[in-house]
Protein backbone atom coordinates (compact mmCIF):
# COMPACT_ATOMS: atom_id res chain seq x y z
CA MET A 1 -10.84 11.84 29.81
CA PRO A 2 -12.05 11.95 26.17
CA ALA A 3 -15.45 10.51 25.36
CA GLU A 4 -15.41 7.17 23.57
CA LYS A 5 -16.74 7.17 20.01
CA VAL A 6 -20.17 5.58 19.88
CA PRO A 7 -20.35 3.14 16.93
CA VAL A 8 -22.62 4.13 14.09
CA ALA A 9 -24.95 1.56 12.55
CA GLY A 10 -22.74 1.42 9.44
CA ASP A 11 -19.84 0.09 11.51
CA LEU A 12 -21.89 -2.96 12.45
CA ASP A 13 -22.06 -3.99 8.77
CA ASN A 14 -18.26 -3.91 8.55
CA ASP A 15 -16.77 -7.42 8.93
CA ASP A 16 -13.60 -5.89 10.36
CA TYR A 17 -15.33 -3.78 13.02
CA PRO A 18 -14.31 -5.08 16.49
CA ALA A 19 -17.83 -5.45 17.85
CA TYR A 20 -17.41 -8.47 20.13
CA THR A 21 -15.89 -8.72 23.58
CA MET A 22 -13.81 -11.76 24.38
CA GLY A 23 -16.62 -13.30 26.44
CA ARG A 24 -19.22 -12.76 23.71
CA ALA A 25 -16.83 -14.06 21.03
CA ALA A 26 -16.16 -17.19 23.08
CA ASP A 27 -19.92 -17.71 23.54
CA ILE A 28 -20.56 -17.33 19.81
CA LEU A 29 -17.83 -19.87 19.00
CA GLY A 30 -18.81 -22.22 21.79
CA THR A 31 -15.32 -22.12 23.22
CA THR A 32 -13.42 -20.47 26.06
CA PRO A 33 -11.58 -17.16 26.34
CA ALA A 34 -8.41 -19.24 26.83
CA PHE A 35 -8.89 -20.69 23.33
CA LEU A 36 -9.17 -17.18 21.87
CA ARG A 37 -6.04 -16.12 23.76
CA ALA A 38 -4.21 -19.19 22.39
CA VAL A 39 -5.27 -18.45 18.81
CA GLY A 40 -4.25 -14.82 19.29
CA GLY A 41 -0.95 -15.93 20.80
CA THR A 42 -0.01 -17.67 17.56
CA GLY A 43 -0.54 -14.44 15.63
CA LEU A 44 -3.38 -15.88 13.53
CA ILE A 45 -5.72 -13.15 14.72
CA THR A 46 -4.90 -9.94 16.54
CA PRO A 47 -7.86 -8.50 18.38
CA LEU A 48 -8.10 -4.78 18.84
CA ARG A 49 -7.84 -3.44 22.37
CA SER A 50 -10.46 -1.17 23.88
CA GLY A 51 -9.43 1.96 25.75
CA GLY A 52 -9.45 -0.18 28.91
CA GLY A 53 -7.21 -2.83 27.31
CA HIS A 54 -9.93 -5.43 26.70
CA ARG A 55 -9.78 -7.59 23.59
CA ARG A 56 -12.39 -6.88 20.90
CA TYR A 57 -13.03 -9.20 17.95
CA SER A 58 -14.51 -8.65 14.50
CA ARG A 59 -16.72 -11.04 12.54
CA SER A 60 -13.86 -11.81 10.16
CA GLN A 61 -11.66 -12.74 13.14
CA LEU A 62 -14.45 -14.94 14.52
CA ARG A 63 -14.65 -16.81 11.22
CA ILE A 64 -10.91 -17.50 11.37
CA ALA A 65 -11.15 -18.60 15.01
CA ALA A 66 -14.11 -20.85 14.11
CA ARG A 67 -11.98 -22.55 11.44
CA ALA A 68 -9.23 -23.08 14.03
CA ARG A 69 -11.78 -24.56 16.41
CA GLU A 70 -12.94 -27.02 13.72
CA LEU A 71 -9.38 -28.25 13.29
CA VAL A 72 -8.80 -28.45 17.05
CA ASP A 73 -12.06 -30.38 17.46
CA GLN A 74 -10.67 -32.88 14.91
CA GLY A 75 -7.61 -33.41 17.10
CA THR A 76 -5.17 -30.88 15.68
CA PRO A 77 -3.12 -28.96 18.27
CA VAL A 78 -3.95 -25.22 18.40
CA GLU A 79 -0.54 -24.13 17.10
CA ALA A 80 -0.72 -26.56 14.17
CA ALA A 81 -4.31 -25.55 13.38
CA CYS A 82 -3.29 -21.89 13.24
CA ARG A 83 -0.32 -22.71 11.00
CA ILE A 84 -2.58 -24.72 8.66
CA ILE A 85 -4.99 -21.80 8.37
CA SER A 86 -2.13 -19.39 7.74
CA LEU A 87 -0.76 -21.65 4.99
CA GLU A 88 -4.25 -22.02 3.47
CA ASP A 89 -4.51 -18.23 3.32
CA GLN A 90 -1.07 -17.95 1.71
CA LEU A 91 -2.02 -20.56 -0.87
CA ASP A 92 -5.27 -18.72 -1.66
CA ASP A 93 -3.32 -15.48 -2.11
CA ALA A 94 -0.76 -17.18 -4.39
CA LEU A 95 -3.49 -18.80 -6.50
CA ARG A 96 -5.32 -15.47 -6.80
CA LEU A 97 -2.11 -13.74 -7.88
CA ASN A 98 -1.38 -16.54 -10.35
CA ARG A 99 -4.86 -16.18 -11.91
CA GLU A 100 -4.42 -12.42 -12.18
CA MET A 101 -1.01 -12.77 -13.84
CA ARG A 102 -2.38 -15.35 -16.29
CA ARG A 103 -5.28 -13.03 -17.11
CA GLN A 104 -2.85 -10.18 -17.79
CA LEU A 105 -0.68 -12.43 -19.95
CA ASP A 106 -3.73 -13.63 -21.87
CA GLN A 107 -4.76 -10.02 -22.50
CA ARG A 108 -1.29 -9.27 -23.87
CA GLY A 109 -1.11 -12.62 -25.68
CA GLY A 110 -1.06 -11.16 -29.17
CA HIS A 111 1.46 -8.50 -28.18
CA ALA A 112 3.87 -10.98 -26.58
CA ALA A 113 3.86 -13.22 -29.65
CA ALA A 114 4.64 -10.23 -31.88
CA ASP A 115 7.62 -9.30 -29.73
CA THR A 116 9.34 -12.69 -30.13
């Protein structure tokens, strides 16, 4: 049986490092493991699995789950909360892409006018 890699201190600074067990993640969020399973079941977050098959969560995943919990606490069903967060992320990505394209067009502004 191969030895498990011991995390180096640098990994702990990585927001995507799966440092939290399901129980610890639930404690941090003030929720239950069932809530984390439900959020994972929608595909909003996908925890890594340890060698023994246990779910492990990163800080970035905990932030997403915390946002879902806020919506659920306001009365939104879990599935709807996860869909809202997914759509918010898609909108952010589209707006970021739009800004980048506008920046590129602005940089070529003089060239585009000369071509017409």
